[in-house]
Structures are given as structure tokens and as C-alpha cells.
Amino acid sequence: MSKNLLPLFASLTHGVYVVGVSAGGRNNAFTAAWVMQSSFDPPMLALSINPAHSSYGLLKAGGCFTVSVLGKGQKELALLLQRFHL
């Protein structure tokens, strides 16, 4: 694994994450409470998503996702994402 990715994987904590997905010009994001490292080489993350969620189709079609780690002061952002299912 690239040494540049070690700090990124080390920053994965128990908390709230925003997972972004995109496909065909459509974007969406959802909150997740669980993300884990599944491989060092190649660097890979695993997460769980409900197939009925609007982001599921975008994730399948786009084949990739982003993960943003929310800080302690960003609770309102997580609640907003949950409320509007962005």
C-alpha cells in the first residue's frame, strides 16, 4: 500500500461518514456509521448500503464512492443529510 494512504486509513474512526456516489451526471450522498478497511494492497474500504436506498443504483452504476469523515462539530450536516436523503 502507498505510504500516502496510511494516514487516511488511520483516520477511519467510529463516527459518522458522508458517502458520495455518482453516475450518469447524477450525484447523491448518504450518511453511514460504519466504514471499514478491507484490504491494504490494494487499498480498499467496505461499507453497507440498503438496496432500496436511492444511492444504491448510483453506486452500482458508477462503481466507486467517496468517504468524508465528519468532525464533532458537523452533527447538523449529518442530520440534514439524513432528513433530506441527499
C-alpha atoms as a PDB file:
ATOM      1  CA  MET A   1       0.000   0.000   0.000  1.00  0.00           C
ATOM      2  CA  SER A   2       1.157   3.515  -0.715  1.00  0.00           C
ATOM      3  CA  LYS A   3       2.574   5.200   2.364  1.00  0.00           C
ATOM      4  CA  ASN A   4       0.493   8.240   1.424  1.00  0.00           C
ATOM      5  CA  LEU A   5      -2.684   6.271   2.166  1.00  0.00           C
ATOM      6  CA  LEU A   6      -1.655   5.077   5.624  1.00  0.00           C
ATOM      7  CA  PRO A   7      -2.737   8.326   7.346  1.00  0.00           C
ATOM      8  CA  LEU A   8      -6.063   8.169   5.502  1.00  0.00           C
ATOM      9  CA  PHE A   9      -6.820   4.643   6.672  1.00  0.00           C
ATOM     10  CA  ALA A  10      -5.639   5.537  10.177  1.00  0.00           C
ATOM     11  CA  SER A  11      -8.219   8.356  10.276  1.00  0.00           C
ATOM     12  CA  LEU A  12     -11.106   5.909   9.981  1.00  0.00           C
ATOM     13  CA  THR A  13     -12.791   6.052  13.333  1.00  0.00           C
ATOM     14  CA  HIS A  14     -16.112   5.166  14.842  1.00  0.00           C
ATOM     15  CA  GLY A  15     -18.290   8.062  13.866  1.00  0.00           C
ATOM     16  CA  VAL A  16     -20.430   9.410  11.081  1.00  0.00           C
ATOM     17  CA  TYR A  17     -19.311   9.469   7.476  1.00  0.00           C
ATOM     18  CA  VAL A  18     -20.778  11.012   4.357  1.00  0.00           C
ATOM     19  CA  VAL A  19     -20.602   8.615   1.424  1.00  0.00           C
ATOM     20  CA  GLY A  20     -20.850  10.220  -2.002  1.00  0.00           C
ATOM     21  CA  VAL A  21     -21.871   8.395  -5.187  1.00  0.00           C
ATOM     22  CA  SER A  22     -22.196   9.497  -8.801  1.00  0.00           C
ATOM     23  CA  ALA A  23     -23.218   8.039 -12.153  1.00  0.00           C
ATOM     24  CA  GLY A  24     -24.552   9.416 -15.407  1.00  0.00           C
ATOM     25  CA  GLY A  25     -24.347  13.029 -14.241  1.00  0.00           C
ATOM     26  CA  ARG A  26     -26.372  12.317 -11.082  1.00  0.00           C
ATOM     27  CA  ASN A  27     -24.853  12.760  -7.621  1.00  0.00           C
ATOM     28  CA  ASN A  28     -26.062  11.726  -4.208  1.00  0.00           C
ATOM     29  CA  ALA A  29     -24.731  11.302  -0.693  1.00  0.00           C
ATOM     30  CA  PHE A  30     -25.799   9.471   2.433  1.00  0.00           C
ATOM     31  CA  THR A  31     -24.620   9.132   5.989  1.00  0.00           C
ATOM     32  CA  ALA A  32     -23.016   5.936   7.224  1.00  0.00           C
ATOM     33  CA  ALA A  33     -21.997   4.933  10.733  1.00  0.00           C
ATOM     34  CA  TRP A  34     -19.837   2.044   9.582  1.00  0.00           C
ATOM     35  CA  VAL A  35     -16.930   2.008   7.124  1.00  0.00           C
ATOM     36  CA  MET A  36     -14.023  -0.394   7.411  1.00  0.00           C
ATOM     37  CA  GLN A  37     -10.756  -1.153   5.746  1.00  0.00           C
ATOM     38  CA  SER A  38     -10.987  -4.405   3.817  1.00  0.00           C
ATOM     39  CA  SER A  39      -7.550  -4.539   2.169  1.00  0.00           C
ATOM     40  CA  PHE A  40      -4.128  -2.930   2.413  1.00  0.00           C
ATOM     41  CA  ASP A  41      -2.971  -3.992  -1.037  1.00  0.00           C
ATOM     42  CA  PRO A  42      -4.801  -2.770  -2.981  1.00  0.00           C
ATOM     43  CA  PRO A  43      -6.217  -0.197  -0.555  1.00  0.00           C
ATOM     44  CA  MET A  44      -9.935  -0.898  -0.242  1.00  0.00           C
ATOM     45  CA  LEU A  45     -12.820   0.110   2.012  1.00  0.00           C
ATOM     46  CA  ALA A  46     -16.076  -1.714   2.671  1.00  0.00           C
ATOM     47  CA  LEU A  47     -19.443  -0.295   3.615  1.00  0.00           C
ATOM     48  CA  SER A  48     -23.041  -1.396   3.707  1.00  0.00           C
ATOM     49  CA  ILE A  49     -25.941   0.194   1.828  1.00  0.00           C
ATOM     50  CA  ASN A  50     -29.603  -0.740   1.660  1.00  0.00           C
ATOM     51  CA  PRO A  51     -30.500  -1.803  -1.911  1.00  0.00           C
ATOM     52  CA  ALA A  52     -33.731   0.214  -1.576  1.00  0.00           C
ATOM     53  CA  HIS A  53     -31.774   3.440  -0.923  1.00  0.00           C
ATOM     54  CA  SER A  54     -31.703   5.929  -3.797  1.00  0.00           C
ATOM     55  CA  SER A  55     -27.891   5.918  -3.775  1.00  0.00           C
ATOM     56  CA  TYR A  56     -27.637   2.165  -4.356  1.00  0.00           C
ATOM     57  CA  GLY A  57     -28.284   2.361  -8.105  1.00  0.00           C
ATOM     58  CA  LEU A  58     -25.780   5.186  -8.489  1.00  0.00           C
ATOM     59  CA  LEU A  59     -23.170   3.203  -6.578  1.00  0.00           C
ATOM     60  CA  LYS A  60     -23.686   0.145  -8.774  1.00  0.00           C
ATOM     61  CA  ALA A  61     -23.671   2.167 -11.994  1.00  0.00           C
ATOM     62  CA  GLY A  62     -20.714   4.386 -11.052  1.00  0.00           C
ATOM     63  CA  GLY A  63     -18.674   1.627  -9.444  1.00  0.00           C
ATOM     64  CA  CYS A  64     -16.977   3.857  -6.887  1.00  0.00           C
ATOM     65  CA  PHE A  65     -17.686   6.087  -3.904  1.00  0.00           C
ATOM     66  CA  THR A  66     -16.107   8.768  -1.754  1.00  0.00           C
ATOM     67  CA  VAL A  67     -15.989   8.875   2.041  1.00  0.00           C
ATOM     68  CA  SER A  68     -15.823  12.080   4.056  1.00  0.00           C
ATOM     69  CA  VAL A  69     -15.178  11.859   7.785  1.00  0.00           C
ATOM     70  CA  LEU A  70     -17.337  14.290   9.737  1.00  0.00           C
ATOM     71  CA  GLY A  71     -15.879  16.133  12.685  1.00  0.00           C
ATOM     72  CA  LYS A  72     -17.510  16.574  16.072  1.00  0.00           C
ATOM     73  CA  GLY A  73     -18.860  19.993  15.096  1.00  0.00           C
ATOM     74  CA  GLN A  74     -20.649  18.713  11.988  1.00  0.00           C
ATOM     75  CA  LYS A  75     -23.601  16.937  13.596  1.00  0.00           C
ATOM     76  CA  GLU A  76     -26.043  19.332  11.920  1.00  0.00           C
ATOM     77  CA  LEU A  77     -24.707  18.375   8.476  1.00  0.00           C
ATOM     78  CA  ALA A  78     -25.257  14.679   9.203  1.00  0.00           C
ATOM     79  CA  LEU A  79     -28.805  15.369  10.396  1.00  0.00           C
ATOM     80  CA  LEU A  80     -29.529  17.437   7.293  1.00  0.00           C
ATOM     81  CA  LEU A  81     -28.330  14.638   5.013  1.00  0.00           C
ATOM     82  CA  GLN A  82     -30.499  12.131   6.850  1.00  0.00           C
ATOM     83  CA  ARG A  83     -33.532  14.394   6.759  1.00  0.00           C
ATOM     84  CA  PHE A  84     -33.411  15.070   3.018  1.00  0.00           C
ATOM     85  CA  HIS A  85     -31.880  11.738   1.951  1.00  0.00           C
ATOM     86  CA  LEU A  86     -29.328  13.606  -0.151  1.00  0.00           C
END
